[in-house]
Each structure stands twice: as structure tokens, then as C-alpha cells.
Amino acid sequence: MTYTREQLARQLTLSVKTIDRLILRGQLKALKIGRSVRISQDQLDEFLKRSIYDPFENNGVSISTGFNL
């Protein structure tokens, strides 16, 4: 299954502008064919997996500031 930017924005309760930013930053991979931009289910799953926050895994982030140390 593939999603348009608009469909994905609705599904994730984000704006289309935010989806565009994620694509431009390379955080969400998309396929562009002509004027059409599509995001596959596999790419969405990969993005969501990378976005999981585990509060017990520090990853070098300061608890007080939320920034990388």
C-alpha cells in the first residue's frame, strides 16, 4: 500500500507541511513520479520504528534539557 502526503498527514494527525519537512530532511523516504509523491507502507513502518521513544534508554540525551550530551 502507498499513501499520498495528504493521506499520511490525516493518518498521523500531522499537517501536509510537516510531512513535506520530514521528506525533505530525509527522515521519511518517499517516491516521486512526475508530480505525484507516494510513501510506501514499508517506509512508513521504518520511520515509525525509528521514532519510538524509550524513556529507559538514555541515548545520550539529558533528562533535564532533552538535548544530546
PDB file of N, CA and C in Angstrom:
ATOM      1  N   MET A   1       0.842  -1.182   0.000  1.00  0.00           N
ATOM      2  CA  MET A   1       0.000   0.000   0.000  1.00  0.00           C
ATOM      3  C   MET A   1       0.886   1.243   0.000  1.00  0.00           C
ATOM      4  N   THR A   2       0.447   2.257  -0.707  1.00  0.00           N
ATOM      5  CA  THR A   2       1.154   3.536  -0.706  1.00  0.00           C
ATOM      6  C   THR A   2       0.187   4.640  -0.307  1.00  0.00           C
ATOM      7  N   TYR A   3       0.750   5.721   0.227  1.00  0.00           N
ATOM      8  CA  TYR A   3      -0.032   6.855   0.692  1.00  0.00           C
ATOM      9  C   TYR A   3       0.400   8.124  -0.028  1.00  0.00           C
ATOM     10  N   THR A   4      -0.551   9.006  -0.238  1.00  0.00           N
ATOM     11  CA  THR A   4      -0.198  10.350  -0.676  1.00  0.00           C
ATOM     12  C   THR A   4       0.210  11.133   0.565  1.00  0.00           C
ATOM     13  N   ARG A   5       0.787  12.295   0.373  1.00  0.00           N
ATOM     14  CA  ARG A   5       1.162  13.140   1.510  1.00  0.00           C
ATOM     15  C   ARG A   5      -0.078  13.498   2.340  1.00  0.00           C
ATOM     16  N   GLU A   6      -1.166  13.772   1.661  1.00  0.00           N
ATOM     17  CA  GLU A   6      -2.402  14.158   2.341  1.00  0.00           C
ATOM     18  C   GLU A   6      -2.976  13.003   3.165  1.00  0.00           C
ATOM     19  N   GLN A   7      -2.979  11.799   2.594  1.00  0.00           N
ATOM     20  CA  GLN A   7      -3.482  10.629   3.308  1.00  0.00           C
ATOM     21  C   GLN A   7      -2.635  10.342   4.546  1.00  0.00           C
ATOM     22  N   LEU A   8      -1.326  10.428   4.383  1.00  0.00           N
ATOM     23  CA  LEU A   8      -0.431  10.164   5.501  1.00  0.00           C
ATOM     24  C   LEU A   8      -0.576  11.218   6.586  1.00  0.00           C
ATOM     25  N   ALA A   9      -0.725  12.461   6.189  1.00  0.00           N
ATOM     26  CA  ALA A   9      -0.919  13.535   7.170  1.00  0.00           C
ATOM     27  C   ALA A   9      -2.183  13.282   7.992  1.00  0.00           C
ATOM     28  N   ARG A  10      -3.260  12.887   7.336  1.00  0.00           N
ATOM     29  CA  ARG A  10      -4.502  12.577   8.050  1.00  0.00           C
ATOM     30  C   ARG A  10      -4.317  11.404   8.998  1.00  0.00           C
ATOM     31  N   GLN A  11      -3.633  10.358   8.517  1.00  0.00           N
ATOM     32  CA  GLN A  11      -3.444   9.148   9.322  1.00  0.00           C
ATOM     33  C   GLN A  11      -2.600   9.435  10.567  1.00  0.00           C
ATOM     34  N   LEU A  12      -1.578  10.269  10.423  1.00  0.00           N
ATOM     35  CA  LEU A  12      -0.677  10.561  11.549  1.00  0.00           C
ATOM     36  C   LEU A  12      -1.088  11.802  12.327  1.00  0.00           C
ATOM     37  N   THR A  13      -2.191  12.422  11.936  1.00  0.00           N
ATOM     38  CA  THR A  13      -2.669  13.687  12.515  1.00  0.00           C
ATOM     39  C   THR A  13      -1.558  14.746  12.525  1.00  0.00           C
ATOM     40  N   LEU A  14      -0.950  14.909  11.359  1.00  0.00           N
ATOM     41  CA  LEU A  14       0.061  15.925  11.129  1.00  0.00           C
ATOM     42  C   LEU A  14      -0.384  16.773   9.954  1.00  0.00           C
ATOM     43  N   SER A  15       0.269  17.887   9.751  1.00  0.00           N
ATOM     44  CA  SER A  15      -0.036  18.698   8.572  1.00  0.00           C
ATOM     45  C   SER A  15       0.757  18.179   7.376  1.00  0.00           C
ATOM     46  N   VAL A  16       0.279  18.497   6.195  1.00  0.00           N
ATOM     47  CA  VAL A  16       0.990  18.126   4.969  1.00  0.00           C
ATOM     48  C   VAL A  16       2.357  18.808   4.957  1.00  0.00           C
ATOM     49  N   LYS A  17       2.427  20.005   5.490  1.00  0.00           N
ATOM     50  CA  LYS A  17       3.698  20.737   5.562  1.00  0.00           C
ATOM     51  C   LYS A  17       4.715  19.965   6.410  1.00  0.00           C
ATOM     52  N   THR A  18       4.264  19.370   7.504  1.00  0.00           N
ATOM     53  CA  THR A  18       5.157  18.574   8.351  1.00  0.00           C
ATOM     54  C   THR A  18       5.630  17.334   7.605  1.00  0.00           C
ATOM     55  N   ILE A  19       4.738  16.682   6.873  1.00  0.00           N
ATOM     56  CA  ILE A  19       5.129  15.521   6.064  1.00  0.00           C
ATOM     57  C   ILE A  19       6.180  15.941   5.044  1.00  0.00           C
ATOM     58  N   ASP A  20       5.972  17.087   4.404  1.00  0.00           N
ATOM     59  CA  ASP A  20       6.950  17.595   3.434  1.00  0.00           C
ATOM     60  C   ASP A  20       8.304  17.838   4.093  1.00  0.00           C
ATOM     61  N   ARG A  21       8.310  18.403   5.288  1.00  0.00           N
ATOM     62  CA  ARG A  21       9.574  18.651   6.002  1.00  0.00           C
ATOM     63  C   ARG A  21      10.286  17.347   6.309  1.00  0.00           C
ATOM     64  N   LEU A  22       9.536  16.336   6.759  1.00  0.00           N
ATOM     65  CA  LEU A  22      10.145  15.039   7.065  1.00  0.00           C
ATOM     66  C   LEU A  22      10.767  14.426   5.813  1.00  0.00           C
ATOM     67  N   ILE A  23      10.102  14.582   4.683  1.00  0.00           N
ATOM     68  CA  ILE A  23      10.632  14.057   3.416  1.00  0.00           C
ATOM     69  C   ILE A  23      11.886  14.834   3.001  1.00  0.00           C
ATOM     70  N   LEU A  24      11.829  16.157   3.074  1.00  0.00           N
ATOM     71  CA  LEU A  24      12.972  16.977   2.669  1.00  0.00           C
ATOM     72  C   LEU A  24      14.193  16.750   3.554  1.00  0.00           C
ATOM     73  N   ARG A  25      13.981  16.473   4.831  1.00  0.00           N
ATOM     74  CA  ARG A  25      15.092  16.204   5.757  1.00  0.00           C
ATOM     75  C   ARG A  25      15.632  14.793   5.620  1.00  0.00           C
ATOM     76  N   GLY A  26      14.942  13.955   4.850  1.00  0.00           N
ATOM     77  CA  GLY A  26      15.381  12.577   4.679  1.00  0.00           C
ATOM     78  C   GLY A  26      14.943  11.666   5.797  1.00  0.00           C
ATOM     79  N   GLN A  27      14.083  12.149   6.679  1.00  0.00           N
ATOM     80  CA  GLN A  27      13.609  11.328   7.788  1.00  0.00           C
ATOM     81  C   GLN A  27      12.523  10.353   7.354  1.00  0.00           C
ATOM     82  N   LEU A  28      11.796  10.710   6.310  1.00  0.00           N
ATOM     83  CA  LEU A  28      10.751   9.870   5.748  1.00  0.00           C
ATOM     84  C   LEU A  28      11.035   9.750   4.259  1.00  0.00           C
ATOM     85  N   LYS A  29      11.222   8.532   3.797  1.00  0.00           N
ATOM     86  CA  LYS A  29      11.556   8.325   2.388  1.00  0.00           C
ATOM     87  C   LYS A  29      10.281   8.251   1.559  1.00  0.00           C
ATOM     88  N   ALA A  30      10.333   8.895   0.403  1.00  0.00           N
ATOM     89  CA  ALA A  30       9.176   8.951  -0.482  1.00  0.00           C
ATOM     90  C   ALA A  30       9.615   8.733  -1.914  1.00  0.00           C
ATOM     91  N   LEU A  31       8.661   8.363  -2.733  1.00  0.00           N
ATOM     92  CA  LEU A  31       8.894   8.146  -4.152  1.00  0.00           C
ATOM     93  C   LEU A  31       8.145   9.227  -4.917  1.00  0.00           C
ATOM     94  N   LYS A  32       8.850   9.904  -5.817  1.00  0.00           N
ATOM     95  CA  LYS A  32       8.216  10.942  -6.629  1.00  0.00           C
ATOM     96  C   LYS A  32       8.197  10.490  -8.079  1.00  0.00           C
ATOM     97  N   ILE A  33       6.985  10.443  -8.622  1.00  0.00           N
ATOM     98  CA  ILE A  33       6.803  10.099 -10.024  1.00  0.00           C
ATOM     99  C   ILE A  33       6.026  11.244 -10.650  1.00  0.00           C
ATOM    100  N   GLY A  34       6.705  12.006 -11.490  1.00  0.00           N
ATOM    101  CA  GLY A  34       6.080  13.208 -12.043  1.00  0.00           C
ATOM    102  C   GLY A  34       5.779  14.190 -10.924  1.00  0.00           C
ATOM    103  N   ARG A  35       4.528  14.555 -10.783  1.00  0.00           N
ATOM    104  CA  ARG A  35       4.117  15.471  -9.713  1.00  0.00           C
ATOM    105  C   ARG A  35       3.578  14.740  -8.489  1.00  0.00           C
ATOM    106  N   SER A  36       3.493  13.438  -8.577  1.00  0.00           N
ATOM    107  CA  SER A  36       2.904  12.639  -7.510  1.00  0.00           C
ATOM    108  C   SER A  36       3.991  12.166  -6.531  1.00  0.00           C
ATOM    109  N   VAL A  37       3.737  12.339  -5.236  1.00  0.00           N
ATOM    110  CA  VAL A  37       4.648  11.870  -4.191  1.00  0.00           C
ATOM    111  C   VAL A  37       3.919  10.781  -3.415  1.00  0.00           C
ATOM    112  N   ARG A  38       4.557   9.627  -3.274  1.00  0.00           N
ATOM    113  CA  ARG A  38       3.958   8.492  -2.576  1.00  0.00           C
ATOM    114  C   ARG A  38       4.907   7.972  -1.504  1.00  0.00           C
ATOM    115  N   ILE A  39       4.325   7.531  -0.406  1.00  0.00           N
ATOM    116  CA  ILE A  39       5.083   6.943   0.696  1.00  0.00           C
ATOM    117  C   ILE A  39       4.568   5.520   0.866  1.00  0.00           C
ATOM    118  N   SER A  40       5.467   4.550   0.800  1.00  0.00           N
ATOM    119  CA  SER A  40       5.050   3.151   0.921  1.00  0.00           C
ATOM    120  C   SER A  40       4.825   2.793   2.385  1.00  0.00           C
ATOM    121  N   GLN A  41       4.061   1.735   2.603  1.00  0.00           N
ATOM    122  CA  GLN A  41       3.810   1.246   3.959  1.00  0.00           C
ATOM    123  C   GLN A  41       5.126   0.843   4.623  1.00  0.00           C
ATOM    124  N   ASP A  42       6.028   0.235   3.857  1.00  0.00           N
ATOM    125  CA  ASP A  42       7.330  -0.173   4.399  1.00  0.00           C
ATOM    126  C   ASP A  42       8.124   1.038   4.901  1.00  0.00           C
ATOM    127  N   GLN A  43       8.129   2.120   4.121  1.00  0.00           N
ATOM    128  CA  GLN A  43       8.854   3.327   4.531  1.00  0.00           C
ATOM    129  C   GLN A  43       8.206   3.959   5.766  1.00  0.00           C
ATOM    130  N   LEU A  44       6.883   3.941   5.818  1.00  0.00           N
ATOM    131  CA  LEU A  44       6.183   4.465   6.992  1.00  0.00           C
ATOM    132  C   LEU A  44       6.517   3.640   8.222  1.00  0.00           C
ATOM    133  N   ASP A  45       6.498   2.311   8.098  1.00  0.00           N
ATOM    134  CA  ASP A  45       6.833   1.435   9.228  1.00  0.00           C
ATOM    135  C   ASP A  45       8.255   1.686   9.720  1.00  0.00           C
ATOM    136  N   GLU A  46       9.178   1.853   8.775  1.00  0.00           N
ATOM    137  CA  GLU A  46      10.580   2.118   9.125  1.00  0.00           C
ATOM    138  C   GLU A  46      10.709   3.457   9.864  1.00  0.00           C
ATOM    139  N   PHE A  47      10.025   4.478   9.364  1.00  0.00           N
ATOM    140  CA  PHE A  47      10.042   5.792  10.014  1.00  0.00           C
ATOM    141  C   PHE A  47       9.481   5.707  11.428  1.00  0.00           C
ATOM    142  N   LEU A  48       8.360   5.020  11.590  1.00  0.00           N
ATOM    143  CA  LEU A  48       7.743   4.906  12.912  1.00  0.00           C
ATOM    144  C   LEU A  48       8.620   4.114  13.871  1.00  0.00           C
ATOM    145  N   LYS A  49       9.286   3.080  13.366  1.00  0.00           N
ATOM    146  CA  LYS A  49      10.180   2.286  14.216  1.00  0.00           C
ATOM    147  C   LYS A  49      11.334   3.151  14.739  1.00  0.00           C
ATOM    148  N   ARG A  50      11.887   4.003  13.865  1.00  0.00           N
ATOM    149  CA  ARG A  50      12.985   4.888  14.280  1.00  0.00           C
ATOM    150  C   ARG A  50      12.498   5.976  15.229  1.00  0.00           C
ATOM    151  N   SER A  51      11.214   6.264  15.214  1.00  0.00           N
ATOM    152  CA  SER A  51      10.667   7.361  16.015  1.00  0.00           C
ATOM    153  C   SER A  51      10.221   6.938  17.411  1.00  0.00           C
ATOM    154  N   ILE A  52      10.318   5.663  17.723  1.00  0.00           N
ATOM    155  CA  ILE A  52       9.876   5.183  19.038  1.00  0.00           C
ATOM    156  C   ILE A  52      10.794   5.751  20.114  1.00  0.00           C
ATOM    157  N   TYR A  53      10.181   6.305  21.150  1.00  0.00           N
ATOM    158  CA  TYR A  53      10.930   6.869  22.275  1.00  0.00           C
ATOM    159  C   TYR A  53      10.851   5.911  23.442  1.00  0.00           C
ATOM    160  N   ASP A  54      11.996   5.486  23.927  1.00  0.00           N
ATOM    161  CA  ASP A  54      12.062   4.611  25.093  1.00  0.00           C
ATOM    162  C   ASP A  54      12.664   5.416  26.238  1.00  0.00           C
ATOM    163  N   PRO A  55      11.866   5.782  27.240  1.00  0.00           N
ATOM    164  CA  PRO A  55      12.367   6.621  28.329  1.00  0.00           C
ATOM    165  C   PRO A  55      13.457   5.949  29.162  1.00  0.00           C
ATOM    166  N   PHE A  56      13.548   4.628  29.063  1.00  0.00           N
ATOM    167  CA  PHE A  56      14.565   3.917  29.834  1.00  0.00           C
ATOM    168  C   PHE A  56      15.878   3.782  29.087  1.00  0.00           C
ATOM    169  N   GLU A  57      15.884   4.179  27.824  1.00  0.00           N
ATOM    170  CA  GLU A  57      17.101   4.150  27.025  1.00  0.00           C
ATOM    171  C   GLU A  57      17.555   5.584  26.827  1.00  0.00           C
ATOM    172  N   ASN A  58      18.606   5.985  27.487  1.00  0.00           N
ATOM    173  CA  ASN A  58      19.041   7.383  27.528  1.00  0.00           C
ATOM    174  C   ASN A  58      19.494   7.903  26.177  1.00  0.00           C
ATOM    175  N   ASN A  59      20.274   7.135  25.429  1.00  0.00           N
ATOM    176  CA  ASN A  59      20.795   7.536  24.121  1.00  0.00           C
ATOM    177  C   ASN A  59      21.558   8.857  24.160  1.00  0.00           C
ATOM    178  N   GLY A  60      22.177   9.179  25.278  1.00  0.00           N
ATOM    179  CA  GLY A  60      22.964  10.402  25.343  1.00  0.00           C
ATOM    180  C   GLY A  60      22.140  11.677  25.433  1.00  0.00           C
ATOM    181  N   VAL A  61      20.881  11.560  25.805  1.00  0.00           N
ATOM    182  CA  VAL A  61      20.011  12.732  25.920  1.00  0.00           C
ATOM    183  C   VAL A  61      19.891  13.105  27.370  1.00  0.00           C
ATOM    184  N   SER A  62      20.108  14.377  27.661  1.00  0.00           N
ATOM    185  CA  SER A  62      19.988  14.876  29.021  1.00  0.00           C
ATOM    186  C   SER A  62      18.521  14.894  29.430  1.00  0.00           C
ATOM    187  N   ILE A  63      18.202  14.319  30.575  1.00  0.00           N
ATOM    188  CA  ILE A  63      16.830  14.289  31.044  1.00  0.00           C
ATOM    189  C   ILE A  63      16.335  15.697  31.351  1.00  0.00           C
ATOM    190  N   SER A  64      17.204  16.562  31.854  1.00  0.00           N
ATOM    191  CA  SER A  64      16.767  17.898  32.241  1.00  0.00           C
ATOM    192  C   SER A  64      16.531  18.818  31.045  1.00  0.00           C
ATOM    193  N   THR A  65      17.333  18.691  29.980  1.00  0.00           N
ATOM    194  CA  THR A  65      17.192  19.597  28.850  1.00  0.00           C
ATOM    195  C   THR A  65      16.545  18.965  27.627  1.00  0.00           C
ATOM    196  N   GLY A  66      16.661  17.625  27.485  1.00  0.00           N
ATOM    197  CA  GLY A  66      16.131  16.960  26.318  1.00  0.00           C
ATOM    198  C   GLY A  66      17.048  17.035  25.108  1.00  0.00           C
ATOM    199  N   PHE A  67      18.259  17.573  25.295  1.00  0.00           N
ATOM    200  CA  PHE A  67      19.210  17.696  24.187  1.00  0.00           C
ATOM    201  C   PHE A  67      20.302  16.644  24.317  1.00  0.00           C
ATOM    202  N   ASN A  68      20.905  16.309  23.195  1.00  0.00           N
ATOM    203  CA  ASN A  68      22.024  15.359  23.209  1.00  0.00           C
ATOM    204  C   ASN A  68      23.186  15.940  23.999  1.00  0.00           C
ATOM    205  N   LEU A  69      23.836  15.072  24.724  1.00  0.00           N
ATOM    206  CA  LEU A  69      25.002  15.489  25.515  1.00  0.00           C
ATOM    207  C   LEU A  69      26.232  15.559  24.665  1.00  0.00           C
TER     208      LEU A  69
END
